[in-house]
């Protein structure tokens, strides 16, 4: 049997007391577990500036639109989109299929514009995540669990996203403003045609299309894109003179500095976003007489943007 001295026992008790005190202090700290704190002295800023290499400027005849790309989800498809833009493929084309409340689809409807990136692409609908449960290294911010079209929804690298813990897959959601490649019935048939979601969230397209990114500036110009007649179920605008033109599209790096827009997106890990979501769950305002059930539509609470002069 091991023999312990009084000094050793006293030291062990003291060490245990200190450990419990530190753990208790961490649990009681108001900073513990908050979305915007890694420790008691570090606060995550509310706003962040997207990487210039992942921004697309698209000048429509209705106004300027800026798209933030998502290569972390669809690297091959995003790479093709960038190459097409770099080559000026979309310059002078138009939005030829526009259904009010659904999508505006643009590109070469005549399929007469030749380009070296005509290959069809593999679908990139979801990506795997490790599922380790280590929240400190997980970029996913959970908003809703048990949501009707995904087991979980939240934010991922600034984008509204879904996640399935049973399959360890995550994907981007079709919230208004999302940009994705169009395709035929077969999965691996996307090439150059793209669309922007312009109405209520077409969530039935989640995990069916390769999402390229989302509009972060100029959505009011997107909403001015000319629609097809309500009598045309396909949404195709046959008369080219009645379509909205894509004057030009450029990668942000190719836009002169003086013409760039300093647009910032809310950081989903910030206190401001956490507070907004909490208020949305409770609806603690005298205006509301029915305060809901605590569930949130992540598309409605999508991250805000701002322009810094």
C-alpha atoms as a PDB file:
ATOM      1  CA  UNK A   1       0.000   0.000   0.000  1.00  0.00           C
ATOM      2  CA  UNK A   2       1.299   3.459  -0.976  1.00  0.00           C
ATOM      3  CA  UNK A   3       1.927   5.772   1.942  1.00  0.00           C
ATOM      4  CA  UNK A   4       1.021   9.487   1.656  1.00  0.00           C
ATOM      5  CA  UNK A   5       2.507  12.201   3.829  1.00  0.00           C
ATOM      6  CA  UNK A   6       0.432  14.997   5.352  1.00  0.00           C
ATOM      7  CA  UNK A   7       2.165  17.538   3.084  1.00  0.00           C
ATOM      8  CA  UNK A   8       1.304  15.592  -0.050  1.00  0.00           C
ATOM      9  CA  UNK A   9      -2.331  15.266   1.013  1.00  0.00           C
ATOM     10  CA  UNK A  10      -2.551  18.986   1.774  1.00  0.00           C
ATOM     11  CA  UNK A  11      -1.014  19.860  -1.614  1.00  0.00           C
ATOM     12  CA  UNK A  12      -3.446  17.556  -3.426  1.00  0.00           C
ATOM     13  CA  UNK A  13      -6.468  19.136  -1.699  1.00  0.00           C
ATOM     14  CA  UNK A  14      -5.184  22.631  -2.501  1.00  0.00           C
ATOM     15  CA  UNK A  15      -4.643  21.695  -6.176  1.00  0.00           C
ATOM     16  CA  UNK A  16      -8.146  20.248  -6.410  1.00  0.00           C
ATOM     17  CA  UNK A  17      -9.634  23.401  -4.839  1.00  0.00           C
ATOM     18  CA  UNK A  18      -7.853  25.658  -7.351  1.00  0.00           C
ATOM     19  CA  UNK A  19      -9.009  23.515 -10.282  1.00  0.00           C
ATOM     20  CA  UNK A  20     -12.629  23.595  -9.127  1.00  0.00           C
ATOM     21  CA  UNK A  21     -12.472  27.355  -8.587  1.00  0.00           C
ATOM     22  CA  UNK A  22     -11.121  27.984 -12.099  1.00  0.00           C
ATOM     23  CA  UNK A  23     -13.720  25.687 -13.683  1.00  0.00           C
ATOM     24  CA  UNK A  24     -16.501  27.374 -11.708  1.00  0.00           C
ATOM     25  CA  UNK A  25     -15.306  30.817 -12.748  1.00  0.00           C
ATOM     26  CA  UNK A  26     -15.275  29.806 -16.401  1.00  0.00           C
ATOM     27  CA  UNK A  27     -18.809  28.415 -16.192  1.00  0.00           C
ATOM     28  CA  UNK A  28     -20.140  31.568 -14.510  1.00  0.00           C
ATOM     29  CA  UNK A  29     -18.337  33.984 -16.818  1.00  0.00           C
ATOM     30  CA  UNK A  30     -20.768  35.856 -19.088  1.00  0.00           C
ATOM     31  CA  UNK A  31     -18.271  35.367 -21.900  1.00  0.00           C
ATOM     32  CA  UNK A  32     -18.408  31.581 -21.697  1.00  0.00           C
ATOM     33  CA  UNK A  33     -20.222  30.033 -24.645  1.00  0.00           C
ATOM     34  CA  UNK A  34     -21.029  33.302 -26.409  1.00  0.00           C
ATOM     35  CA  UNK A  35     -20.737  33.300 -30.179  1.00  0.00           C
ATOM     36  CA  UNK A  36     -18.329  36.198 -30.324  1.00  0.00           C
ATOM     37  CA  UNK A  37     -15.788  35.342 -27.617  1.00  0.00           C
ATOM     38  CA  UNK A  38     -12.866  32.976 -27.677  1.00  0.00           C
ATOM     39  CA  UNK A  39     -11.665  34.200 -24.307  1.00  0.00           C
ATOM     40  CA  UNK A  40     -12.449  36.999 -21.896  1.00  0.00           C
ATOM     41  CA  UNK A  41     -10.410  39.573 -23.833  1.00  0.00           C
ATOM     42  CA  UNK A  42     -11.163  38.694 -27.465  1.00  0.00           C
ATOM     43  CA  UNK A  43     -14.343  39.908 -29.136  1.00  0.00           C
ATOM     44  CA  UNK A  44     -15.263  38.863 -32.670  1.00  0.00           C
ATOM     45  CA  UNK A  45     -16.055  41.973 -34.769  1.00  0.00           C
ATOM     46  CA  UNK A  46     -19.587  42.313 -36.093  1.00  0.00           C
ATOM     47  CA  UNK A  47     -18.510  42.903 -39.710  1.00  0.00           C
ATOM     48  CA  UNK A  48     -15.993  41.319 -42.043  1.00  0.00           C
ATOM     49  CA  UNK A  49     -14.873  42.092 -45.573  1.00  0.00           C
ATOM     50  CA  UNK A  50     -15.137  39.205 -48.075  1.00  0.00           C
ATOM     51  CA  UNK A  51     -11.963  38.185 -49.867  1.00  0.00           C
ATOM     52  CA  UNK A  52     -11.493  40.173 -53.061  1.00  0.00           C
ATOM     53  CA  UNK A  53     -10.639  36.983 -54.968  1.00  0.00           C
ATOM     54  CA  UNK A  54     -14.130  35.624 -54.282  1.00  0.00           C
ATOM     55  CA  UNK A  55     -16.156  38.625 -55.444  1.00  0.00           C
ATOM     56  CA  UNK A  56     -17.808  39.094 -58.841  1.00  0.00           C
ATOM     57  CA  UNK A  57     -19.019  42.458 -60.135  1.00  0.00           C
ATOM     58  CA  UNK A  58     -21.891  42.134 -62.599  1.00  0.00           C
ATOM     59  CA  UNK A  59     -23.152  45.262 -64.301  1.00  0.00           C
ATOM     60  CA  UNK A  60     -26.739  44.797 -65.447  1.00  0.00           C
ATOM     61  CA  UNK A  61     -28.650  47.412 -67.361  1.00  0.00           C
ATOM     62  CA  UNK A  62     -30.730  47.643 -64.173  1.00  0.00           C
ATOM     63  CA  UNK A  63     -27.677  48.365 -61.966  1.00  0.00           C
ATOM     64  CA  UNK A  64     -24.563  46.921 -60.349  1.00  0.00           C
ATOM     65  CA  UNK A  65     -24.674  43.559 -58.561  1.00  0.00           C
ATOM     66  CA  UNK A  66     -21.899  42.017 -56.445  1.00  0.00           C
ATOM     67  CA  UNK A  67     -21.775  38.272 -55.839  1.00  0.00           C
ATOM     68  CA  UNK A  68     -19.730  36.572 -53.120  1.00  0.00           C
ATOM     69  CA  UNK A  69     -18.540  33.168 -54.318  1.00  0.00           C
ATOM     70  CA  UNK A  70     -18.374  29.971 -52.246  1.00  0.00           C
ATOM     71  CA  UNK A  71     -15.399  27.904 -53.481  1.00  0.00           C
ATOM     72  CA  UNK A  72     -15.335  26.047 -50.148  1.00  0.00           C
ATOM     73  CA  UNK A  73     -18.552  24.313 -51.227  1.00  0.00           C
ATOM     74  CA  UNK A  74     -18.253  24.027 -55.019  1.00  0.00           C
ATOM     75  CA  UNK A  75     -14.600  24.574 -56.027  1.00  0.00           C
ATOM     76  CA  UNK A  76     -14.884  23.101 -59.537  1.00  0.00           C
ATOM     77  CA  UNK A  77     -18.074  24.929 -60.452  1.00  0.00           C
ATOM     78  CA  UNK A  78     -16.865  28.202 -58.959  1.00  0.00           C
ATOM     79  CA  UNK A  79     -13.601  27.796 -60.863  1.00  0.00           C
ATOM     80  CA  UNK A  80     -15.513  27.438 -64.119  1.00  0.00           C
ATOM     81  CA  UNK A  81     -17.680  30.478 -63.318  1.00  0.00           C
ATOM     82  CA  UNK A  82     -14.542  32.527 -62.661  1.00  0.00           C
ATOM     83  CA  UNK A  83     -12.941  31.376 -65.919  1.00  0.00           C
ATOM     84  CA  UNK A  84     -16.040  32.285 -67.914  1.00  0.00           C
ATOM     85  CA  UNK A  85     -16.124  35.724 -66.329  1.00  0.00           C
ATOM     86  CA  UNK A  86     -12.395  36.228 -66.893  1.00  0.00           C
ATOM     87  CA  UNK A  87     -12.912  35.446 -70.588  1.00  0.00           C
ATOM     88  CA  UNK A  88     -15.827  37.895 -70.876  1.00  0.00           C
ATOM     89  CA  UNK A  89     -18.265  35.108 -71.727  1.00  0.00           C
ATOM     90  CA  UNK A  90     -21.269  36.761 -70.068  1.00  0.00           C
ATOM     91  CA  UNK A  91     -20.642  40.251 -71.472  1.00  0.00           C
ATOM     92  CA  UNK A  92     -23.622  41.275 -73.593  1.00  0.00           C
ATOM     93  CA  UNK A  93     -25.738  38.240 -72.714  1.00  0.00           C
ATOM     94  CA  UNK A  94     -29.012  38.507 -70.803  1.00  0.00           C
ATOM     95  CA  UNK A  95     -31.476  36.969 -68.376  1.00  0.00           C
ATOM     96  CA  UNK A  96     -33.706  35.012 -70.702  1.00  0.00           C
ATOM     97  CA  UNK A  97     -35.752  32.909 -68.268  1.00  0.00           C
ATOM     98  CA  UNK A  98     -37.268  34.881 -65.413  1.00  0.00           C
ATOM     99  CA  UNK A  99     -40.128  33.624 -63.251  1.00  0.00           C
ATOM    100  CA  UNK A 100     -41.504  36.085 -60.727  1.00  0.00           C
ATOM    101  CA  UNK A 101     -41.103  34.765 -57.191  1.00  0.00           C
ATOM    102  CA  UNK A 102     -38.659  32.061 -58.300  1.00  0.00           C
ATOM    103  CA  UNK A 103     -35.440  32.595 -60.290  1.00  0.00           C
ATOM    104  CA  UNK A 104     -33.798  34.739 -62.960  1.00  0.00           C
ATOM    105  CA  UNK A 105     -31.653  32.618 -65.276  1.00  0.00           C
ATOM    106  CA  UNK A 106     -28.948  34.139 -67.448  1.00  0.00           C
ATOM    107  CA  UNK A 107     -26.461  33.011 -70.057  1.00  0.00           C
ATOM    108  CA  UNK A 108     -26.341  32.033 -73.710  1.00  0.00           C
ATOM    109  CA  UNK A 109     -29.841  30.769 -74.537  1.00  0.00           C
ATOM    110  CA  UNK A 110     -28.874  30.346 -78.213  1.00  0.00           C
ATOM    111  CA  UNK A 111     -25.822  28.253 -77.295  1.00  0.00           C
ATOM    112  CA  UNK A 112     -23.978  29.981 -80.112  1.00  0.00           C
ATOM    113  CA  UNK A 113     -21.221  31.639 -78.088  1.00  0.00           C
ATOM    114  CA  UNK A 114     -18.160  29.431 -78.219  1.00  0.00           C
ATOM    115  CA  UNK A 115     -15.766  29.272 -75.312  1.00  0.00           C
ATOM    116  CA  UNK A 116     -13.018  26.981 -74.112  1.00  0.00           C
ATOM    117  CA  UNK A 117     -14.873  26.131 -70.908  1.00  0.00           C
ATOM    118  CA  UNK A 118     -17.791  24.323 -72.525  1.00  0.00           C
ATOM    119  CA  UNK A 119     -17.197  21.100 -70.611  1.00  0.00           C
ATOM    120  CA  UNK A 120     -19.958  19.809 -68.365  1.00  0.00           C
ATOM    121  CA  UNK A 121     -19.171  19.844 -64.683  1.00  0.00           C
ATOM    122  CA  UNK A 122     -19.530  17.331 -61.856  1.00  0.00           C
ATOM    123  CA  UNK A 123     -22.301  18.318 -59.465  1.00  0.00           C
ATOM    124  CA  UNK A 124     -21.065  19.692 -56.131  1.00  0.00           C
ATOM    125  CA  UNK A 125     -24.177  19.568 -53.983  1.00  0.00           C
ATOM    126  CA  UNK A 126     -22.807  18.905 -50.489  1.00  0.00           C
ATOM    127  CA  UNK A 127     -19.533  18.532 -48.657  1.00  0.00           C
ATOM    128  CA  UNK A 128     -18.474  16.330 -45.769  1.00  0.00           C
ATOM    129  CA  UNK A 129     -17.609  17.597 -42.307  1.00  0.00           C
ATOM    130  CA  UNK A 130     -15.772  15.730 -39.582  1.00  0.00           C
ATOM    131  CA  UNK A 131     -18.573  15.545 -37.002  1.00  0.00           C
ATOM    132  CA  UNK A 132     -16.071  15.459 -34.165  1.00  0.00           C
ATOM    133  CA  UNK A 133     -18.226  17.653 -31.969  1.00  0.00           C
ATOM    134  CA  UNK A 134     -15.341  20.083 -31.436  1.00  0.00           C
ATOM    135  CA  UNK A 135     -17.227  23.380 -31.672  1.00  0.00           C
ATOM    136  CA  UNK A 136     -14.037  25.446 -31.370  1.00  0.00           C
ATOM    137  CA  UNK A 137     -12.905  24.292 -34.828  1.00  0.00           C
ATOM    138  CA  UNK A 138     -16.354  24.063 -36.435  1.00  0.00           C
ATOM    139  CA  UNK A 139     -17.343  27.040 -38.641  1.00  0.00           C
ATOM    140  CA  UNK A 140     -21.010  25.996 -38.622  1.00  0.00           C
ATOM    141  CA  UNK A 141     -23.307  28.155 -36.462  1.00  0.00           C
ATOM    142  CA  UNK A 142     -26.490  26.263 -35.601  1.00  0.00           C
ATOM    143  CA  UNK A 143     -29.732  28.254 -35.929  1.00  0.00           C
ATOM    144  CA  UNK A 144     -32.439  25.596 -36.106  1.00  0.00           C
ATOM    145  CA  UNK A 145     -32.527  21.874 -35.336  1.00  0.00           C
ATOM    146  CA  UNK A 146     -35.395  19.827 -36.706  1.00  0.00           C
ATOM    147  CA  UNK A 147     -36.055  22.301 -39.518  1.00  0.00           C
ATOM    148  CA  UNK A 148     -38.523  21.081 -42.108  1.00  0.00           C
ATOM    149  CA  UNK A 149     -36.152  20.669 -45.086  1.00  0.00           C
ATOM    150  CA  UNK A 150     -32.916  19.850 -43.246  1.00  0.00           C
ATOM    151  CA  UNK A 151     -32.061  18.250 -39.905  1.00  0.00           C
ATOM    152  CA  UNK A 152     -30.183  21.431 -38.992  1.00  0.00           C
ATOM    153  CA  UNK A 153     -29.785  24.900 -40.485  1.00  0.00           C
ATOM    154  CA  UNK A 154     -27.401  27.694 -39.640  1.00  0.00           C
ATOM    155  CA  UNK A 155     -24.542  29.694 -41.112  1.00  0.00           C
ATOM    156  CA  UNK A 156     -21.329  28.434 -42.701  1.00  0.00           C
ATOM    157  CA  UNK A 157     -18.561  30.830 -43.727  1.00  0.00           C
ATOM    158  CA  UNK A 158     -21.103  33.619 -44.132  1.00  0.00           C
ATOM    159  CA  UNK A 159     -23.702  31.575 -46.037  1.00  0.00           C
ATOM    160  CA  UNK A 160     -27.015  30.090 -44.902  1.00  0.00           C
ATOM    161  CA  UNK A 161     -26.420  26.356 -44.749  1.00  0.00           C
ATOM    162  CA  UNK A 162     -27.969  23.011 -43.889  1.00  0.00           C
ATOM    163  CA  UNK A 163     -26.401  20.048 -42.139  1.00  0.00           C
ATOM    164  CA  UNK A 164     -27.241  16.400 -41.526  1.00  0.00           C
ATOM    165  CA  UNK A 165     -25.389  14.900 -38.530  1.00  0.00           C
ATOM    166  CA  UNK A 166     -26.456  11.388 -39.551  1.00  0.00           C
ATOM    167  CA  UNK A 167     -24.630  11.581 -42.899  1.00  0.00           C
ATOM    168  CA  UNK A 168     -22.002  14.167 -41.889  1.00  0.00           C
ATOM    169  CA  UNK A 169     -22.907  16.294 -44.915  1.00  0.00           C
ATOM    170  CA  UNK A 170     -23.535  20.034 -45.168  1.00  0.00           C
ATOM    171  CA  UNK A 171     -24.725  22.269 -48.005  1.00  0.00           C
ATOM    172  CA  UNK A 172     -25.764  25.825 -48.882  1.00  0.00           C
ATOM    173  CA  UNK A 173     -29.420  26.853 -48.867  1.00  0.00           C
ATOM    174  CA  UNK A 174     -31.468  28.450 -51.620  1.00  0.00           C
ATOM    175  CA  UNK A 175     -32.262  31.665 -49.800  1.00  0.00           C
ATOM    176  CA  UNK A 176     -33.211  34.744 -51.872  1.00  0.00           C
ATOM    177  CA  UNK A 177     -30.128  36.043 -53.686  1.00  0.00           C
ATOM    178  CA  UNK A 178     -28.399  32.678 -53.993  1.00  0.00           C
ATOM    179  CA  UNK A 179     -26.518  32.119 -57.258  1.00  0.00           C
ATOM    180  CA  UNK A 180     -26.196  28.620 -58.732  1.00  0.00           C
ATOM    181  CA  UNK A 181     -25.503  26.845 -62.010  1.00  0.00           C
ATOM    182  CA  UNK A 182     -28.443  25.557 -64.022  1.00  0.00           C
ATOM    183  CA  UNK A 183     -28.370  22.064 -65.523  1.00  0.00           C
ATOM    184  CA  UNK A 184     -30.378  19.470 -67.408  1.00  0.00           C
ATOM    185  CA  UNK A 185     -32.151  16.561 -65.710  1.00  0.00           C
ATOM    186  CA  UNK A 186     -28.862  14.683 -65.377  1.00  0.00           C
ATOM    187  CA  UNK A 187     -26.744  15.803 -62.424  1.00  0.00           C
ATOM    188  CA  UNK A 188     -23.399  16.393 -64.124  1.00  0.00           C
ATOM    189  CA  UNK A 189     -24.604  18.673 -66.908  1.00  0.00           C
ATOM    190  CA  UNK A 190     -23.942  22.212 -65.626  1.00  0.00           C
ATOM    191  CA  UNK A 191     -21.720  24.297 -67.862  1.00  0.00           C
ATOM    192  CA  UNK A 192     -22.313  28.051 -68.035  1.00  0.00           C
ATOM    193  CA  UNK A 193     -25.963  28.958 -67.430  1.00  0.00           C
ATOM    194  CA  UNK A 194     -26.615  30.378 -63.965  1.00  0.00           C
ATOM    195  CA  UNK A 195     -29.552  31.706 -62.004  1.00  0.00           C
ATOM    196  CA  UNK A 196     -30.308  33.999 -59.074  1.00  0.00           C
ATOM    197  CA  UNK A 197     -33.120  33.214 -56.625  1.00  0.00           C
ATOM    198  CA  UNK A 198     -35.385  36.278 -56.740  1.00  0.00           C
ATOM    199  CA  UNK A 199     -38.437  35.312 -54.686  1.00  0.00           C
ATOM    200  CA  UNK A 200     -39.323  33.236 -51.707  1.00  0.00           C
ATOM    201  CA  UNK A 201     -36.672  30.664 -50.875  1.00  0.00           C
ATOM    202  CA  UNK A 202     -36.907  27.754 -53.400  1.00  0.00           C
ATOM    203  CA  UNK A 203     -35.659  25.302 -50.807  1.00  0.00           C
ATOM    204  CA  UNK A 204     -36.687  22.283 -52.886  1.00  0.00           C
ATOM    205  CA  UNK A 205     -33.557  23.024 -54.930  1.00  0.00           C
ATOM    206  CA  UNK A 206     -31.303  22.436 -51.907  1.00  0.00           C
ATOM    207  CA  UNK A 207     -28.894  19.544 -52.515  1.00  0.00           C
ATOM    208  CA  UNK A 208     -30.055  19.421 -56.137  1.00  0.00           C
ATOM    209  CA  UNK A 209     -28.021  22.264 -57.639  1.00  0.00           C
ATOM    210  CA  UNK A 210     -24.402  23.419 -57.390  1.00  0.00           C
ATOM    211  CA  UNK A 211     -24.489  26.704 -55.471  1.00  0.00           C
ATOM    212  CA  UNK A 212     -21.857  29.217 -56.591  1.00  0.00           C
ATOM    213  CA  UNK A 213     -22.457  32.026 -54.102  1.00  0.00           C
ATOM    214  CA  UNK A 214     -24.908  34.762 -53.195  1.00  0.00           C
ATOM    215  CA  UNK A 215     -25.683  38.388 -53.989  1.00  0.00           C
ATOM    216  CA  UNK A 216     -24.308  40.648 -51.247  1.00  0.00           C
ATOM    217  CA  UNK A 217     -24.900  43.982 -52.986  1.00  0.00           C
ATOM    218  CA  UNK A 218     -27.444  45.194 -55.526  1.00  0.00           C
ATOM    219  CA  UNK A 219     -30.331  42.834 -54.790  1.00  0.00           C
ATOM    220  CA  UNK A 220     -32.665  45.753 -55.522  1.00  0.00           C
ATOM    221  CA  UNK A 221     -31.169  45.804 -59.031  1.00  0.00           C
ATOM    222  CA  UNK A 222     -31.715  42.051 -59.328  1.00  0.00           C
ATOM    223  CA  UNK A 223     -35.363  42.557 -58.420  1.00  0.00           C
ATOM    224  CA  UNK A 224     -35.653  44.960 -61.364  1.00  0.00           C
ATOM    225  CA  UNK A 225     -34.768  42.198 -63.854  1.00  0.00           C
ATOM    226  CA  UNK A 226     -37.573  41.976 -66.404  1.00  0.00           C
ATOM    227  CA  UNK A 227     -39.963  39.087 -65.866  1.00  0.00           C
ATOM    228  CA  UNK A 228     -41.633  36.813 -68.364  1.00  0.00           C
ATOM    229  CA  UNK A 229     -45.372  37.095 -68.806  1.00  0.00           C
ATOM    230  CA  UNK A 230     -47.388  35.239 -66.180  1.00  0.00           C
ATOM    231  CA  UNK A 231     -48.961  33.378 -69.100  1.00  0.00           C
ATOM    232  CA  UNK A 232     -45.593  31.823 -70.035  1.00  0.00           C
ATOM    233  CA  UNK A 233     -45.159  28.889 -67.663  1.00  0.00           C
ATOM    234  CA  UNK A 234     -41.572  28.216 -68.751  1.00  0.00           C
ATOM    235  CA  UNK A 235     -40.539  31.756 -67.862  1.00  0.00           C
ATOM    236  CA  UNK A 236     -38.629  32.181 -71.125  1.00  0.00           C
ATOM    237  CA  UNK A 237     -38.695  35.683 -72.597  1.00  0.00           C
ATOM    238  CA  UNK A 238     -38.748  35.055 -76.330  1.00  0.00           C
ATOM    239  CA  UNK A 239     -38.252  38.691 -77.378  1.00  0.00           C
ATOM    240  CA  UNK A 240     -34.587  39.614 -76.713  1.00  0.00           C
ATOM    241  CA  UNK A 241     -35.499  43.314 -76.547  1.00  0.00           C
ATOM    242  CA  UNK A 242     -37.577  42.605 -73.440  1.00  0.00           C
ATOM    243  CA  UNK A 243     -34.762  40.942 -71.501  1.00  0.00           C
ATOM    244  CA  UNK A 244     -32.434  42.469 -68.913  1.00  0.00           C
ATOM    245  CA  UNK A 245     -28.872  42.657 -70.234  1.00  0.00           C
ATOM    246  CA  UNK A 246     -25.641  41.633 -68.564  1.00  0.00           C
ATOM    247  CA  UNK A 247     -23.544  44.586 -69.687  1.00  0.00           C
ATOM    248  CA  UNK A 248     -20.366  43.050 -68.294  1.00  0.00           C
ATOM    249  CA  UNK A 249     -19.113  40.765 -65.530  1.00  0.00           C
ATOM    250  CA  UNK A 250     -15.688  41.050 -63.883  1.00  0.00           C
ATOM    251  CA  UNK A 251     -13.755  39.453 -61.073  1.00  0.00           C
ATOM    252  CA  UNK A 252     -13.237  42.082 -58.362  1.00  0.00           C
ATOM    253  CA  UNK A 253      -9.475  42.061 -58.910  1.00  0.00           C
ATOM    254  CA  UNK A 254     -10.080  43.218 -62.485  1.00  0.00           C
ATOM    255  CA  UNK A 255     -12.279  46.145 -61.440  1.00  0.00           C
ATOM    256  CA  UNK A 256     -10.413  49.460 -61.052  1.00  0.00           C
ATOM    257  CA  UNK A 257      -9.913  50.327 -57.386  1.00  0.00           C
ATOM    258  CA  UNK A 258     -11.873  53.566 -57.676  1.00  0.00           C
ATOM    259  CA  UNK A 259     -14.891  51.633 -58.999  1.00  0.00           C
ATOM    260  CA  UNK A 260     -14.986  49.011 -56.258  1.00  0.00           C
ATOM    261  CA  UNK A 261     -17.627  49.004 -53.543  1.00  0.00           C
ATOM    262  CA  UNK A 262     -16.450  48.388 -49.988  1.00  0.00           C
ATOM    263  CA  UNK A 263     -19.176  45.954 -48.975  1.00  0.00           C
ATOM    264  CA  UNK A 264     -19.044  44.081 -45.674  1.00  0.00           C
ATOM    265  CA  UNK A 265     -21.049  41.124 -44.377  1.00  0.00           C
ATOM    266  CA  UNK A 266     -22.091  40.429 -40.800  1.00  0.00           C
ATOM    267  CA  UNK A 267     -19.988  37.888 -38.951  1.00  0.00           C
ATOM    268  CA  UNK A 268     -22.251  35.027 -37.867  1.00  0.00           C
ATOM    269  CA  UNK A 269     -20.055  34.493 -34.800  1.00  0.00           C
ATOM    270  CA  UNK A 270     -20.668  38.029 -33.508  1.00  0.00           C
ATOM    271  CA  UNK A 271     -22.863  39.138 -30.614  1.00  0.00           C
ATOM    272  CA  UNK A 272     -25.021  41.195 -32.974  1.00  0.00           C
ATOM    273  CA  UNK A 273     -26.092  38.099 -34.911  1.00  0.00           C
ATOM    274  CA  UNK A 274     -26.587  36.040 -31.734  1.00  0.00           C
ATOM    275  CA  UNK A 275     -28.771  38.808 -30.266  1.00  0.00           C
ATOM    276  CA  UNK A 276     -30.852  39.112 -33.419  1.00  0.00           C
ATOM    277  CA  UNK A 277     -31.478  35.359 -33.503  1.00  0.00           C
ATOM    278  CA  UNK A 278     -32.387  35.304 -29.803  1.00  0.00           C
ATOM    279  CA  UNK A 279     -34.900  38.106 -30.279  1.00  0.00           C
ATOM    280  CA  UNK A 280     -36.350  36.299 -33.272  1.00  0.00           C
ATOM    281  CA  UNK A 281     -36.979  33.213 -31.160  1.00  0.00           C
ATOM    282  CA  UNK A 282     -38.813  35.056 -28.399  1.00  0.00           C
ATOM    283  CA  UNK A 283     -40.415  38.019 -30.274  1.00  0.00           C
ATOM    284  CA  UNK A 284     -40.270  40.027 -27.061  1.00  0.00           C
ATOM    285  CA  UNK A 285     -42.057  43.104 -28.377  1.00  0.00           C
ATOM    286  CA  UNK A 286     -45.447  44.504 -27.440  1.00  0.00           C
ATOM    287  CA  UNK A 287     -46.480  44.347 -31.107  1.00  0.00           C
ATOM    288  CA  UNK A 288     -46.538  40.524 -31.058  1.00  0.00           C
ATOM    289  CA  UNK A 289     -49.514  38.809 -29.440  1.00  0.00           C
ATOM    290  CA  UNK A 290     -48.582  35.389 -30.820  1.00  0.00           C
ATOM    291  CA  UNK A 291     -44.904  34.919 -30.151  1.00  0.00           C
ATOM    292  CA  UNK A 292     -44.314  31.855 -32.286  1.00  0.00           C
ATOM    293  CA  UNK A 293     -42.779  28.583 -31.178  1.00  0.00           C
ATOM    294  CA  UNK A 294     -39.111  29.577 -31.064  1.00  0.00           C
ATOM    295  CA  UNK A 295     -38.318  28.199 -34.532  1.00  0.00           C
ATOM    296  CA  UNK A 296     -36.512  30.370 -37.075  1.00  0.00           C
ATOM    297  CA  UNK A 297     -36.335  30.451 -40.871  1.00  0.00           C
ATOM    298  CA  UNK A 298     -32.625  30.964 -41.435  1.00  0.00           C
ATOM    299  CA  UNK A 299     -33.312  32.546 -44.845  1.00  0.00           C
ATOM    300  CA  UNK A 300     -35.358  35.288 -43.186  1.00  0.00           C
ATOM    301  CA  UNK A 301     -32.552  35.921 -40.706  1.00  0.00           C
ATOM    302  CA  UNK A 302     -29.832  35.872 -43.338  1.00  0.00           C
ATOM    303  CA  UNK A 303     -26.708  37.882 -42.595  1.00  0.00           C
ATOM    304  CA  UNK A 304     -26.909  41.607 -43.244  1.00  0.00           C
ATOM    305  CA  UNK A 305     -24.537  43.643 -45.402  1.00  0.00           C
ATOM    306  CA  UNK A 306     -23.377  47.243 -45.290  1.00  0.00           C
ATOM    307  CA  UNK A 307     -21.363  49.673 -47.388  1.00  0.00           C
ATOM    308  CA  UNK A 308     -18.356  51.406 -45.839  1.00  0.00           C
ATOM    309  CA  UNK A 309     -17.563  54.736 -47.480  1.00  0.00           C
END
